[in-house]
Amino acid sequence: MKAGGGNGIMLPHYCRPGRLWYVSDGFIWDDLPVSYRTEPGRPPECSSKLFIFNPQDKMANVRVWFYHVDRSPTAIELSVEQGGIKAIELANLPEVPHKQSFWIALESDVPVLPQARHEDYTLWDPVPDALISVAPYPGPLEDETVWIYPDCFQGGARSWYEREMLTILNPNEQVVTARVRYLLRWYELGAEEEIEIPGARTRR
């Protein structure tokens, strides 16, 4: 597929519309009740939004899957108008648990482009303290068995909240074993561990 009406520029795989996407992991950690949102339209303390862009000239029928740590996947179904963008606040869905890691996968009957955006807010400020948008990965998965994550930092100060998490999705029905290696800057050898992930579950 070429961009710009055949100008010869190849789009990266995450920029091309597709029918199956592994969108992003997520973690909704909010502690404040809804009554603390004093301004109309104010986002939750921990907002997790899913955007779906339908670039086609017909309606897109979409099913969004949520994979969990301790339960079978849950799903919602929706439609996206032709040329439209649908925005969903995942923190408001009963299918998405709070304070527990989850993964988002998406299926559509026509090629679409999804994007997850995770935002953290303080009580008095409508501007997010932190904002993360992860590039989605197109499916189906075939021979992707090695993944490299190039950066990680775990601070030691007690003055701020910090937690480093690696969330692994197993979209298969059977149990899989993942070997995780940690490579350190100042040491030749890092730690290594094996993690068993049940079918259709996530581990963090």
Protein backbone atom coordinates (compact mmCIF):
# COMPACT_ATOMS: atom_id res chain seq x y z
CA MET A 1 0.00 0.00 0.00
CA LYS A 2 1.36 3.42 -0.94
CA ALA A 3 0.55 6.75 0.64
CA GLY A 4 -0.55 9.93 -1.06
CA GLY A 5 -2.26 8.39 -4.07
CA GLY A 6 0.73 6.48 -5.39
CA ASN A 7 3.58 8.87 -4.66
CA GLY A 8 5.90 5.94 -3.96
CA ILE A 9 6.13 6.41 -0.18
CA MET A 10 5.60 3.19 1.77
CA LEU A 11 3.78 3.68 5.04
CA PRO A 12 5.11 1.92 8.16
CA HIS A 13 3.01 -1.10 9.14
CA TYR A 14 1.45 0.74 12.11
CA CYS A 15 0.28 3.57 9.80
CA ARG A 16 -1.62 1.33 7.37
CA PRO A 17 -5.27 0.43 8.02
CA GLY A 18 -5.84 -3.17 9.06
CA ARG A 19 -8.59 -5.49 10.26
CA LEU A 20 -6.77 -6.94 13.28
CA TRP A 21 -4.75 -4.91 15.78
CA TYR A 22 -2.99 -5.50 19.09
CA VAL A 23 -3.47 -1.95 20.27
CA SER A 24 -1.91 -1.42 23.70
CA ASP A 25 -1.72 -2.54 27.28
CA GLY A 26 -3.34 -0.49 30.01
CA PHE A 27 -3.62 0.05 33.75
CA ILE A 28 -6.31 2.25 35.32
CA TRP A 29 -5.14 3.11 38.84
CA ASP A 30 -7.63 5.83 39.90
CA ASP A 31 -8.33 6.34 43.61
CA LEU A 32 -10.79 9.26 43.61
CA PRO A 33 -14.58 8.81 43.26
CA VAL A 34 -16.50 10.32 40.35
CA SER A 35 -17.93 13.00 42.68
CA TYR A 36 -14.51 14.72 42.73
CA ARG A 37 -14.86 15.70 39.07
CA THR A 38 -16.19 19.19 39.74
CA GLU A 39 -16.00 20.52 36.16
CA PRO A 40 -18.40 19.32 33.43
CA GLY A 41 -16.65 17.03 30.97
CA ARG A 42 -13.58 16.68 33.17
CA PRO A 43 -11.67 13.44 32.46
CA PRO A 44 -11.20 10.80 35.17
CA GLU A 45 -8.14 10.88 37.40
CA CYS A 46 -6.70 8.07 35.29
CA SER A 47 -8.09 8.25 31.76
CA SER A 48 -7.63 5.50 29.19
CA LYS A 49 -9.08 6.33 25.79
CA LEU A 50 -9.35 4.24 22.64
CA PHE A 51 -9.67 6.07 19.30
CA ILE A 52 -10.72 4.26 16.12
CA PHE A 53 -10.35 5.98 12.74
CA ASN A 54 -12.30 4.56 9.82
CA PRO A 55 -10.75 5.85 6.56
CA GLN A 56 -13.09 3.76 4.40
CA ASP A 57 -16.17 4.88 2.46
CA LYS A 58 -18.46 2.52 4.37
CA MET A 59 -19.34 1.75 7.98
CA ALA A 60 -16.85 -0.24 10.07
CA ASN A 61 -18.22 -2.87 12.44
CA VAL A 62 -15.68 -3.29 15.24
CA ARG A 63 -15.22 -5.69 18.13
CA VAL A 64 -12.77 -4.65 20.86
CA TRP A 65 -11.32 -7.42 23.06
CA PHE A 66 -9.93 -6.84 26.55
CA TYR A 67 -7.53 -9.51 27.84
CA HIS A 68 -7.16 -9.82 31.62
CA VAL A 69 -4.95 -11.35 34.27
CA ASP A 70 -7.53 -13.49 36.05
CA ARG A 71 -10.55 -13.93 33.77
CA SER A 72 -11.61 -14.76 30.22
CA PRO A 73 -11.46 -11.94 27.66
CA THR A 74 -14.34 -9.47 27.59
CA ALA A 75 -15.49 -7.56 24.53
CA ILE A 76 -17.58 -4.66 23.27
CA GLU A 77 -19.03 -4.13 19.80
CA LEU A 78 -19.49 -0.80 18.06
CA SER A 79 -19.70 0.89 14.68
CA VAL A 80 -17.58 3.71 13.26
CA GLU A 81 -19.03 5.94 10.54
CA GLN A 82 -17.24 6.23 7.20
CA GLY A 83 -14.42 8.74 7.47
CA GLY A 84 -15.16 9.12 11.19
CA ILE A 85 -13.32 8.74 14.49
CA LYS A 86 -14.86 6.99 17.48
CA ALA A 87 -13.54 7.82 20.97
CA ILE A 88 -14.17 5.46 23.91
CA GLU A 89 -13.31 6.15 27.56
CA LEU A 90 -12.21 2.70 28.77
CA ALA A 91 -12.23 3.78 32.43
CA ASN A 92 -16.04 3.97 32.24
CA LEU A 93 -16.57 0.49 30.79
CA PRO A 94 -17.65 -2.37 33.09
CA GLU A 95 -15.63 -4.73 30.83
CA VAL A 96 -12.35 -3.10 31.93
CA PRO A 97 -11.24 -3.67 35.56
CA HIS A 98 -9.42 -0.96 37.48
CA LYS A 99 -6.05 -1.44 39.23
CA GLN A 100 -5.30 -4.47 37.08
CA SER A 101 -3.29 -4.79 33.87
CA PHE A 102 -5.18 -5.46 30.65
CA TRP A 103 -4.48 -5.65 26.92
CA ILE A 104 -6.56 -4.23 24.06
CA ALA A 105 -7.07 -6.12 20.79
CA LEU A 106 -9.34 -5.01 17.95
CA GLU A 107 -11.08 -6.72 15.02
CA SER A 108 -12.94 -4.93 12.22
CA ASP A 109 -14.74 -5.99 9.06
CA VAL A 110 -12.95 -3.23 7.11
CA PRO A 111 -9.41 -1.84 7.63
CA VAL A 112 -9.25 0.80 10.37
CA LEU A 113 -6.57 2.59 12.42
CA PRO A 114 -6.78 2.40 16.25
CA GLN A 115 -4.84 4.35 18.87
CA ALA A 116 -4.88 4.10 22.67
CA ARG A 117 -4.02 7.14 24.78
CA HIS A 118 -3.46 6.89 28.52
CA GLU A 119 -3.55 10.08 30.64
CA ASP A 120 -3.00 10.80 34.35
CA TYR A 121 -4.49 13.87 36.03
CA THR A 122 -4.24 15.62 39.38
CA LEU A 123 -7.44 16.75 41.08
CA TRP A 124 -7.10 20.48 40.41
CA ASP A 125 -5.46 20.56 36.95
CA PRO A 126 -7.28 19.78 33.64
CA VAL A 127 -3.88 19.37 31.92
CA PRO A 128 -2.56 15.78 32.13
CA ASP A 129 0.51 15.11 34.26
CA ALA A 130 1.48 12.23 31.99
CA LEU A 131 0.32 11.13 28.54
CA ILE A 132 1.27 7.91 26.73
CA SER A 133 0.33 6.77 23.22
CA VAL A 134 1.64 3.38 22.18
CA ALA A 135 2.02 2.45 18.50
CA PRO A 136 -0.40 -0.44 17.80
CA TYR A 137 0.89 -3.68 16.30
CA PRO A 138 -0.93 -5.26 13.31
CA GLY A 139 -1.99 -8.89 13.40
CA PRO A 140 -2.22 -11.73 12.94
CA LEU A 141 0.89 -12.75 14.89
CA GLU A 142 2.96 -15.32 12.99
CA ASP A 143 6.62 -15.71 13.97
CA GLU A 144 6.98 -12.86 16.47
CA THR A 145 8.73 -14.67 19.32
CA VAL A 146 11.49 -12.16 20.20
CA TRP A 147 10.73 -8.65 21.42
CA ILE A 148 13.24 -5.95 22.45
CA TYR A 149 12.31 -3.05 24.73
CA PRO A 150 15.13 -0.50 24.54
CA ASP A 151 14.65 1.57 27.67
CA CYS A 152 13.70 1.20 31.32
CA PHE A 153 14.52 3.17 34.45
CA GLN A 154 13.66 2.39 38.04
CA GLY A 155 14.30 5.31 40.40
CA GLY A 156 15.03 4.96 44.07
CA ALA A 157 13.64 8.19 45.49
CA ARG A 158 10.64 8.09 47.82
CA SER A 159 9.26 11.47 46.80
CA TRP A 160 7.26 10.29 43.78
CA TYR A 161 5.17 7.33 42.67
CA GLU A 162 6.93 5.07 40.23
CA ARG A 163 6.46 1.51 39.07
CA GLU A 164 8.01 -0.18 36.04
CA MET A 165 5.79 -2.85 34.50
CA LEU A 166 6.18 -5.15 31.52
CA THR A 167 2.80 -6.51 30.43
CA ILE A 168 2.81 -9.61 28.21
CA LEU A 169 -0.25 -10.75 26.25
CA ASN A 170 -0.82 -14.37 25.25
CA PRO A 171 -3.62 -14.24 22.63
CA ASN A 172 -3.36 -18.00 22.01
CA GLU A 173 -5.59 -20.60 23.62
CA GLN A 174 -2.68 -22.69 24.89
CA VAL A 175 -0.24 -21.92 27.72
CA VAL A 176 3.06 -20.32 26.67
CA THR A 177 6.36 -19.73 28.44
CA ALA A 178 8.22 -16.43 28.02
CA ARG A 179 11.87 -15.93 28.95
CA VAL A 180 12.65 -12.38 30.04
CA ARG A 181 16.25 -11.09 30.14
CA TYR A 182 17.26 -7.79 31.75
CA LEU A 183 20.39 -6.21 30.25
CA LEU A 184 22.08 -3.61 32.44
CA ARG A 185 24.28 -0.70 31.49
CA TRP A 186 27.07 -1.17 34.01
CA TYR A 187 27.17 -4.96 34.28
CA GLU A 188 27.94 -7.68 31.75
CA LEU A 189 25.21 -9.99 32.99
CA GLY A 190 21.64 -9.14 33.90
CA ALA A 191 18.81 -11.11 35.43
CA GLU A 192 16.75 -13.72 33.61
CA GLU A 193 13.45 -15.38 34.47
CA GLU A 194 10.80 -17.57 32.87
CA ILE A 195 7.13 -16.65 33.09
CA GLU A 196 4.22 -18.96 32.30
CA ILE A 197 1.19 -17.25 30.77
CA PRO A 198 -2.15 -19.10 30.54
CA GLY A 199 -4.10 -19.01 27.29
CA ALA A 200 -5.94 -15.75 26.51
CA ARG A 201 -4.45 -14.02 29.57
CA THR A 202 -1.95 -11.30 30.38
CA ARG A 203 0.94 -11.29 32.88
CA ARG A 204 2.80 -8.31 34.20
